[in-house]
Amino acid sequence: MDLQEQFKVIFYSFIYGMFFITTLRLFKFIHLRNKIVNFFIELIFCLLHSSLFYFLLYNINKGILNYYIVIFLIIGAYFCKLFYFNDKKY
C-alpha cells in the first residue's frame, strides 16, 4: 500500500468514526420493550456498519485492515463525541 492510499484510509477511517457515532446516537432514540427484537435490531445495526466500513476499505485498498485504521476509527468516533455530542449543560 503506497503513501497516498494510507492517507486516504486514515482520512476515511476518521470520517467513518464520526459517522458511526452520529448514527449510534440516532439509533439510541429507538426504544423497544421487546428485548429479543431490540437485540436483533442492534445486531443488524452492527453488521451493517461493519460491512459498510469493510466495503469502504475494499474500495480504497482491497480490504487490508491495519492497526492504524482501527486507531483512527476510534479517534474519529471520540472526536465526534467530544466536540459535537458534548452533553454538558452550561
N, C-alpha and C. Protein backbone atom coordinates (compact mmCIF):
# COMPACT_ATOMS: atom_id res chain seq x y z
N MET A 1 0.85 -1.16 0.00
CA MET A 1 0.00 0.00 0.00
C MET A 1 0.91 1.23 0.00
N ASP A 2 0.68 2.13 -0.94
CA ASP A 2 1.52 3.31 -1.02
C ASP A 2 1.04 4.40 -0.06
N LEU A 3 1.79 5.46 0.01
CA LEU A 3 1.52 6.52 0.98
C LEU A 3 0.19 7.21 0.73
N GLN A 4 -0.17 7.42 -0.51
CA GLN A 4 -1.43 8.07 -0.84
C GLN A 4 -2.62 7.23 -0.37
N GLU A 5 -2.56 5.93 -0.56
CA GLU A 5 -3.63 5.06 -0.08
C GLU A 5 -3.71 5.07 1.44
N GLN A 6 -2.58 5.13 2.11
CA GLN A 6 -2.57 5.18 3.57
C GLN A 6 -3.23 6.45 4.08
N PHE A 7 -2.96 7.59 3.45
CA PHE A 7 -3.61 8.83 3.86
C PHE A 7 -5.11 8.78 3.60
N LYS A 8 -5.51 8.19 2.49
CA LYS A 8 -6.95 8.05 2.22
C LYS A 8 -7.62 7.19 3.27
N VAL A 9 -6.98 6.08 3.60
CA VAL A 9 -7.56 5.17 4.59
C VAL A 9 -7.65 5.85 5.95
N ILE A 10 -6.63 6.57 6.35
CA ILE A 10 -6.66 7.26 7.64
C ILE A 10 -7.76 8.32 7.64
N PHE A 11 -7.87 9.10 6.58
CA PHE A 11 -8.89 10.14 6.50
C PHE A 11 -10.30 9.54 6.52
N TYR A 12 -10.54 8.51 5.71
CA TYR A 12 -11.86 7.91 5.66
C TYR A 12 -12.20 7.15 6.95
N SER A 13 -11.21 6.59 7.61
CA SER A 13 -11.47 5.93 8.90
C SER A 13 -11.88 6.96 9.94
N PHE A 14 -11.21 8.11 9.93
CA PHE A 14 -11.57 9.18 10.86
C PHE A 14 -12.99 9.68 10.60
N ILE A 15 -13.33 9.90 9.34
CA ILE A 15 -14.67 10.37 8.98
C ILE A 15 -15.72 9.30 9.30
N TYR A 16 -15.40 8.05 9.04
CA TYR A 16 -16.35 6.98 9.32
C TYR A 16 -16.57 6.82 10.82
N GLY A 17 -15.55 7.06 11.63
CA GLY A 17 -15.74 7.04 13.08
C GLY A 17 -16.73 8.09 13.52
N MET A 18 -16.65 9.28 12.92
CA MET A 18 -17.62 10.33 13.23
C MET A 18 -19.02 9.93 12.75
N PHE A 19 -19.11 9.33 11.57
CA PHE A 19 -20.39 8.87 11.04
C PHE A 19 -20.99 7.78 11.93
N PHE A 20 -20.15 6.87 12.42
CA PHE A 20 -20.64 5.79 13.27
C PHE A 20 -21.21 6.33 14.57
N ILE A 21 -20.52 7.24 15.22
CA ILE A 21 -21.02 7.80 16.48
C ILE A 21 -22.31 8.57 16.25
N THR A 22 -22.41 9.28 15.13
CA THR A 22 -23.64 10.02 14.83
C THR A 22 -24.81 9.08 14.63
N THR A 23 -24.63 8.01 13.87
CA THR A 23 -25.73 7.08 13.67
C THR A 23 -26.03 6.29 14.93
N LEU A 24 -25.01 6.02 15.75
CA LEU A 24 -25.26 5.36 17.03
C LEU A 24 -26.08 6.24 17.94
N ARG A 25 -25.78 7.51 17.92
CA ARG A 25 -26.55 8.47 18.74
C ARG A 25 -28.01 8.51 18.28
N LEU A 26 -28.23 8.50 16.97
CA LEU A 26 -29.60 8.46 16.46
C LEU A 26 -30.27 7.12 16.74
N PHE A 27 -29.50 6.05 16.72
CA PHE A 27 -30.03 4.71 16.98
C PHE A 27 -30.49 4.56 18.42
N LYS A 28 -29.86 5.27 19.34
CA LYS A 28 -30.23 5.18 20.76
C LYS A 28 -31.63 5.75 21.04
N PHE A 29 -32.20 6.51 20.09
CA PHE A 29 -33.55 7.02 20.29
C PHE A 29 -34.60 5.94 20.12
N ILE A 30 -34.24 4.84 19.50
CA ILE A 30 -35.18 3.74 19.30
C ILE A 30 -35.22 2.89 20.57
N HIS A 31 -36.35 2.89 21.24
CA HIS A 31 -36.53 2.08 22.44
C HIS A 31 -37.66 1.10 22.19
N LEU A 32 -37.32 -0.16 22.25
CA LEU A 32 -38.32 -1.20 22.11
C LEU A 32 -38.41 -1.98 23.41
N ARG A 33 -39.61 -2.37 23.75
CA ARG A 33 -39.78 -3.10 25.01
C ARG A 33 -39.38 -4.56 24.88
N ASN A 34 -39.52 -5.09 23.69
CA ASN A 34 -39.18 -6.48 23.48
C ASN A 34 -37.66 -6.60 23.34
N LYS A 35 -37.03 -7.30 24.28
CA LYS A 35 -35.57 -7.39 24.29
C LYS A 35 -35.04 -8.21 23.12
N ILE A 36 -35.78 -9.19 22.68
CA ILE A 36 -35.32 -10.03 21.58
C ILE A 36 -35.29 -9.23 20.28
N VAL A 37 -36.33 -8.46 20.03
CA VAL A 37 -36.38 -7.62 18.83
C VAL A 37 -35.30 -6.55 18.90
N ASN A 38 -35.11 -5.98 20.07
CA ASN A 38 -34.08 -4.97 20.26
C ASN A 38 -32.69 -5.55 20.01
N PHE A 39 -32.46 -6.78 20.46
CA PHE A 39 -31.19 -7.45 20.23
C PHE A 39 -30.93 -7.64 18.73
N PHE A 40 -31.94 -8.08 17.99
CA PHE A 40 -31.75 -8.30 16.56
C PHE A 40 -31.56 -6.99 15.80
N ILE A 41 -32.21 -5.95 16.22
CA ILE A 41 -32.02 -4.65 15.58
C ILE A 41 -30.59 -4.15 15.83
N GLU A 42 -30.09 -4.32 17.06
CA GLU A 42 -28.71 -3.92 17.35
C GLU A 42 -27.71 -4.77 16.57
N LEU A 43 -28.01 -6.05 16.42
CA LEU A 43 -27.14 -6.93 15.64
C LEU A 43 -27.09 -6.50 14.18
N ILE A 44 -28.24 -6.18 13.62
CA ILE A 44 -28.30 -5.70 12.23
C ILE A 44 -27.56 -4.37 12.09
N PHE A 45 -27.71 -3.50 13.07
CA PHE A 45 -27.01 -2.21 13.06
C PHE A 45 -25.49 -2.42 13.02
N CYS A 46 -24.99 -3.30 13.88
CA CYS A 46 -23.55 -3.56 13.92
C CYS A 46 -23.06 -4.24 12.65
N LEU A 47 -23.82 -5.19 12.14
CA LEU A 47 -23.42 -5.87 10.90
C LEU A 47 -23.43 -4.90 9.72
N LEU A 48 -24.40 -4.01 9.68
CA LEU A 48 -24.47 -3.02 8.61
C LEU A 48 -23.25 -2.11 8.64
N HIS A 49 -22.90 -1.62 9.82
CA HIS A 49 -21.74 -0.73 9.91
C HIS A 49 -20.44 -1.46 9.63
N SER A 50 -20.33 -2.68 10.08
CA SER A 50 -19.10 -3.45 9.81
C SER A 50 -18.94 -3.70 8.32
N SER A 51 -20.02 -4.10 7.67
CA SER A 51 -19.93 -4.37 6.24
C SER A 51 -19.72 -3.10 5.44
N LEU A 52 -20.33 -1.99 5.86
CA LEU A 52 -20.13 -0.72 5.17
C LEU A 52 -18.69 -0.24 5.30
N PHE A 53 -18.11 -0.38 6.48
CA PHE A 53 -16.72 0.03 6.67
C PHE A 53 -15.78 -0.86 5.88
N TYR A 54 -16.03 -2.16 5.85
CA TYR A 54 -15.17 -3.05 5.09
C TYR A 54 -15.31 -2.78 3.58
N PHE A 55 -16.53 -2.48 3.12
CA PHE A 55 -16.73 -2.13 1.72
C PHE A 55 -15.95 -0.87 1.36
N LEU A 56 -15.92 0.09 2.26
CA LEU A 56 -15.12 1.30 2.06
C LEU A 56 -13.64 0.96 1.97
N LEU A 57 -13.17 0.11 2.88
CA LEU A 57 -11.77 -0.30 2.83
C LEU A 57 -11.46 -1.09 1.57
N TYR A 58 -12.38 -1.92 1.15
CA TYR A 58 -12.15 -2.72 -0.04
C TYR A 58 -12.01 -1.84 -1.28
N ASN A 59 -12.79 -0.77 -1.34
CA ASN A 59 -12.69 0.15 -2.48
C ASN A 59 -11.40 0.96 -2.47
N ILE A 60 -10.86 1.23 -1.30
CA ILE A 60 -9.65 2.03 -1.22
C ILE A 60 -8.40 1.16 -1.39
N ASN A 61 -8.29 0.10 -0.59
CA ASN A 61 -7.03 -0.66 -0.57
C ASN A 61 -7.23 -2.18 -0.60
N LYS A 62 -8.26 -2.62 -1.24
CA LYS A 62 -8.53 -4.06 -1.40
C LYS A 62 -8.77 -4.78 -0.07
N GLY A 63 -9.28 -4.06 0.92
CA GLY A 63 -9.70 -4.66 2.19
C GLY A 63 -8.61 -4.95 3.19
N ILE A 64 -7.47 -4.34 3.06
CA ILE A 64 -6.39 -4.55 4.03
C ILE A 64 -6.71 -3.75 5.29
N LEU A 65 -6.69 -4.44 6.43
CA LEU A 65 -7.01 -3.80 7.71
C LEU A 65 -5.76 -3.77 8.57
N ASN A 66 -5.24 -2.60 8.85
CA ASN A 66 -4.06 -2.42 9.69
C ASN A 66 -4.47 -1.83 11.02
N TYR A 67 -3.55 -1.83 11.97
CA TYR A 67 -3.86 -1.33 13.31
C TYR A 67 -4.17 0.16 13.29
N TYR A 68 -3.52 0.94 12.46
CA TYR A 68 -3.77 2.39 12.47
C TYR A 68 -5.14 2.73 11.90
N ILE A 69 -5.72 1.86 11.10
CA ILE A 69 -7.08 2.08 10.60
C ILE A 69 -8.06 2.04 11.76
N VAL A 70 -7.91 1.04 12.62
CA VAL A 70 -8.78 0.91 13.79
C VAL A 70 -8.55 2.08 14.75
N ILE A 71 -7.31 2.48 14.92
CA ILE A 71 -7.00 3.59 15.82
C ILE A 71 -7.66 4.88 15.33
N PHE A 72 -7.59 5.18 14.04
CA PHE A 72 -8.20 6.41 13.54
C PHE A 72 -9.72 6.32 13.50
N LEU A 73 -10.28 5.12 13.38
CA LEU A 73 -11.72 4.96 13.51
C LEU A 73 -12.17 5.32 14.92
N ILE A 74 -11.42 4.86 15.91
CA ILE A 74 -11.74 5.18 17.30
C ILE A 74 -11.52 6.66 17.59
N ILE A 75 -10.44 7.23 17.07
CA ILE A 75 -10.18 8.67 17.27
C ILE A 75 -11.28 9.51 16.63
N GLY A 76 -11.74 9.11 15.44
CA GLY A 76 -12.84 9.84 14.80
C GLY A 76 -14.12 9.78 15.60
N ALA A 77 -14.42 8.61 16.16
CA ALA A 77 -15.61 8.48 17.00
C ALA A 77 -15.48 9.33 18.26
N TYR A 78 -14.30 9.30 18.87
CA TYR A 78 -14.06 10.09 20.07
C TYR A 78 -14.12 11.59 19.78
N PHE A 79 -13.55 12.01 18.66
CA PHE A 79 -13.58 13.41 18.25
C PHE A 79 -15.02 13.89 18.08
N CYS A 80 -15.82 13.09 17.42
CA CYS A 80 -17.21 13.47 17.20
C CYS A 80 -17.97 13.55 18.52
N LYS A 81 -17.77 12.58 19.40
CA LYS A 81 -18.46 12.59 20.68
C LYS A 81 -18.00 13.77 21.52
N LEU A 82 -16.73 14.05 21.50
CA LEU A 82 -16.18 15.12 22.33
C LEU A 82 -16.63 16.51 21.87
N PHE A 83 -16.60 16.76 20.56
CA PHE A 83 -16.87 18.10 20.08
C PHE A 83 -18.30 18.35 19.62
N TYR A 84 -19.00 17.31 19.18
CA TYR A 84 -20.34 17.52 18.66
C TYR A 84 -21.44 17.04 19.58
N PHE A 85 -21.15 16.05 20.40
CA PHE A 85 -22.19 15.50 21.27
C PHE A 85 -21.82 15.65 22.72
N ASN A 86 -21.22 16.76 23.06
CA ASN A 86 -20.89 17.03 24.45
C ASN A 86 -22.17 17.35 25.18
N ASP A 87 -22.52 16.53 26.19
CA ASP A 87 -23.80 16.66 26.87
C ASP A 87 -23.76 17.60 28.06
N LYS A 88 -22.68 18.31 28.25
CA LYS A 88 -22.61 19.21 29.38
C LYS A 88 -23.52 20.40 29.15
N LYS A 89 -24.27 20.75 30.19
CA LYS A 89 -25.17 21.90 30.13
C LYS A 89 -24.47 23.08 30.79
N TYR A 90 -24.36 24.19 30.09
CA TYR A 90 -23.72 25.37 30.64
C TYR A 90 -24.75 26.36 31.08
